Amino acid sequence: MNKFYRIGAIVFGMSVLAGCGTTVDSLSVGDCFDAPEVSYIATEVSDVDVVDCDEPHRYEMYAMKEMTDSSFPGESQTTSLAEDYCYSRFESFVGMEYDYSIYYIFSISPTSGSWSEGARSIQCALGLDSGTKVGSARNSRE
């Protein structure tokens, strides 16, 4: 089964949102959070609810990096870069191979619209297909 999800069309340019959520672009590695349901198709997500990792949650940010391209490389190139990067960083965070893990990978990458607003981050989150987790996935070997 392909366990790779992509959260696409992220609205990185928004810094103030109605409600009490946290913008996706302000997440850090190790942040645990809840977000709207995502699926195999690109899902637009602009804000999430950050929670303490000791509380039940669905997702955790495990890696991120800045893209250095001078111009937007295109949706397919950005998606490919994000997927490759997120897959390569998974084992060092969780402590086991992705193929045997209980987690799914979600890559969060700029769109052409958010790129024009200055978004350059590739972010990698892991999550459960259903249910919640208590505690961090870091070195969990799950």
Protein backbone atom coordinates (compact mmCIF):
# COMPACT_ATOMS: atom_id res chain seq x y z
CA MET A 1 0.00 0.00 0.00
CA ASN A 2 1.26 3.47 -0.83
CA LYS A 3 1.35 5.32 2.47
CA PHE A 4 2.47 8.70 1.11
CA TYR A 5 0.01 11.55 1.42
CA ARG A 6 0.60 15.09 0.27
CA ILE A 7 -0.92 18.13 1.84
CA GLY A 8 -0.84 20.55 -1.05
CA ALA A 9 -2.05 24.03 -1.86
CA ILE A 10 -0.86 25.24 1.52
CA VAL A 11 -1.57 28.88 2.23
CA PHE A 12 1.84 29.97 3.55
CA GLY A 13 1.31 33.69 3.13
CA MET A 14 -1.25 34.08 5.90
CA SER A 15 0.20 35.21 9.20
CA VAL A 16 -3.00 36.16 11.01
CA LEU A 17 -6.06 33.97 10.88
CA ALA A 18 -9.46 34.13 12.48
CA GLY A 19 -9.79 31.60 15.26
CA CYS A 20 -7.08 30.22 17.50
CA GLY A 21 -5.16 27.98 15.09
CA THR A 22 -1.47 28.12 14.25
CA THR A 23 -0.39 28.75 10.68
CA VAL A 24 1.20 25.75 8.99
CA ASP A 25 4.32 27.72 8.12
CA SER A 26 5.00 28.48 11.80
CA LEU A 27 5.25 24.82 12.84
CA SER A 28 8.62 23.49 14.03
CA VAL A 29 10.14 20.02 14.03
CA GLY A 30 8.71 18.15 17.01
CA ASP A 31 5.40 20.05 17.07
CA CYS A 32 2.38 17.79 17.49
CA PHE A 33 -0.87 19.00 15.99
CA ASP A 34 -4.35 18.26 14.77
CA ALA A 35 -5.63 19.37 11.38
CA PRO A 36 -8.58 18.78 9.09
CA GLU A 37 -8.73 15.34 7.53
CA VAL A 38 -6.35 14.87 4.61
CA SER A 39 -6.55 12.38 1.78
CA TYR A 40 -4.55 11.08 -1.15
CA ILE A 41 -5.60 14.12 -3.12
CA ALA A 42 -4.03 17.47 -2.39
CA THR A 43 -5.74 19.17 0.51
CA GLU A 44 -5.60 22.87 1.28
CA VAL A 45 -4.61 23.50 4.89
CA SER A 46 -3.65 26.89 6.26
CA ASP A 47 -3.91 26.48 10.01
CA VAL A 48 -3.70 23.69 12.55
CA ASP A 49 -4.16 23.23 16.28
CA VAL A 50 -0.81 22.67 18.02
CA VAL A 51 -1.09 20.40 21.07
CA ASP A 52 1.38 19.11 23.63
CA CYS A 53 2.75 15.79 22.37
CA ASP A 54 1.70 14.22 25.68
CA GLU A 55 -1.92 14.91 24.70
CA PRO A 56 -3.81 12.88 22.06
CA HIS A 57 -2.97 14.10 18.53
CA ARG A 58 -2.95 12.87 14.92
CA TYR A 59 0.16 14.49 13.43
CA GLU A 60 3.74 15.49 14.24
CA MET A 61 6.20 17.62 12.27
CA TYR A 62 9.46 15.67 11.85
CA ALA A 63 11.58 17.49 9.25
CA MET A 64 11.79 20.68 7.24
CA LYS A 65 14.09 22.52 4.87
CA GLU A 66 14.11 25.65 2.76
CA MET A 67 14.06 25.45 -1.02
CA THR A 68 16.81 27.54 -2.63
CA ASP A 69 15.44 27.84 -6.17
CA SER A 70 15.28 31.40 -7.48
CA SER A 71 11.99 30.78 -9.26
CA PHE A 72 9.10 28.38 -8.65
CA PRO A 73 10.19 24.98 -10.02
CA GLY A 74 6.62 23.85 -10.78
CA GLU A 75 4.09 21.72 -8.94
CA SER A 76 5.43 18.33 -10.02
CA GLN A 77 9.06 19.22 -9.25
CA THR A 78 8.13 20.70 -5.86
CA THR A 79 6.03 17.63 -5.01
CA SER A 80 8.82 15.27 -6.05
CA LEU A 81 11.43 17.18 -4.03
CA ALA A 82 9.17 17.20 -0.97
CA GLU A 83 8.34 13.49 -1.19
CA ASP A 84 11.99 12.47 -1.64
CA TYR A 85 13.15 14.68 1.22
CA CYS A 86 10.42 13.57 3.63
CA TYR A 87 10.99 9.90 2.89
CA SER A 88 14.76 10.30 3.42
CA ARG A 89 14.30 11.96 6.85
CA PHE A 90 11.70 9.55 8.27
CA GLU A 91 13.90 6.75 9.64
CA SER A 92 16.28 9.09 11.47
CA PHE A 93 13.33 10.65 13.33
CA VAL A 94 11.18 7.58 14.10
CA GLY A 95 13.97 5.03 14.43
CA MET A 96 12.63 2.46 11.97
CA GLU A 97 12.09 2.06 8.25
CA TYR A 98 9.05 3.80 6.85
CA ASP A 99 7.74 0.67 5.13
CA TYR A 100 7.28 -1.07 8.51
CA SER A 101 6.00 1.93 10.45
CA ILE A 102 2.46 2.60 11.61
CA TYR A 103 2.74 6.19 10.34
CA TYR A 104 1.94 7.87 7.06
CA ILE A 105 4.06 10.68 5.61
CA PHE A 106 2.55 14.03 4.67
CA SER A 107 4.63 16.53 2.72
CA ILE A 108 3.74 20.20 2.86
CA SER A 109 5.19 22.28 0.05
CA PRO A 110 4.69 25.68 -1.56
CA THR A 111 2.27 26.21 -4.41
CA SER A 112 2.86 28.75 -7.16
CA GLY A 113 0.61 31.18 -5.29
CA SER A 114 2.32 30.78 -1.92
CA TRP A 115 5.75 30.89 -3.63
CA SER A 116 4.94 34.36 -4.96
CA GLU A 117 4.19 35.37 -1.34
CA GLY A 118 7.63 34.15 -0.20
CA ALA A 119 6.94 30.54 0.86
CA ARG A 120 10.01 28.32 0.41
CA SER A 121 9.62 25.63 3.10
CA ILE A 122 9.23 21.93 2.57
CA GLN A 123 7.74 20.48 5.74
CA CYS A 124 7.35 16.83 6.63
CA ALA A 125 4.70 15.54 8.98
CA LEU A 126 3.78 12.04 9.99
CA GLY A 127 0.36 10.91 11.05
CA LEU A 128 -1.92 8.03 11.82
CA ASP A 129 -4.50 6.76 9.37
CA SER A 130 -7.07 6.83 12.16
CA GLY A 131 -7.15 7.41 15.87
CA THR A 132 -4.72 9.44 17.92
CA LYS A 133 -1.30 9.05 19.52
CA VAL A 134 -0.09 10.15 22.94
CA GLY A 135 3.62 10.99 23.03
CA SER A 136 6.13 11.90 20.36
CA ALA A 137 6.99 9.63 17.44
CA ARG A 138 10.66 10.63 17.84
CA ASN A 139 12.67 7.41 18.35
CA SER A 140 9.41 5.52 19.00
CA ARG A 141 10.32 2.72 16.56
CA GLU A 142 6.65 2.42 15.62
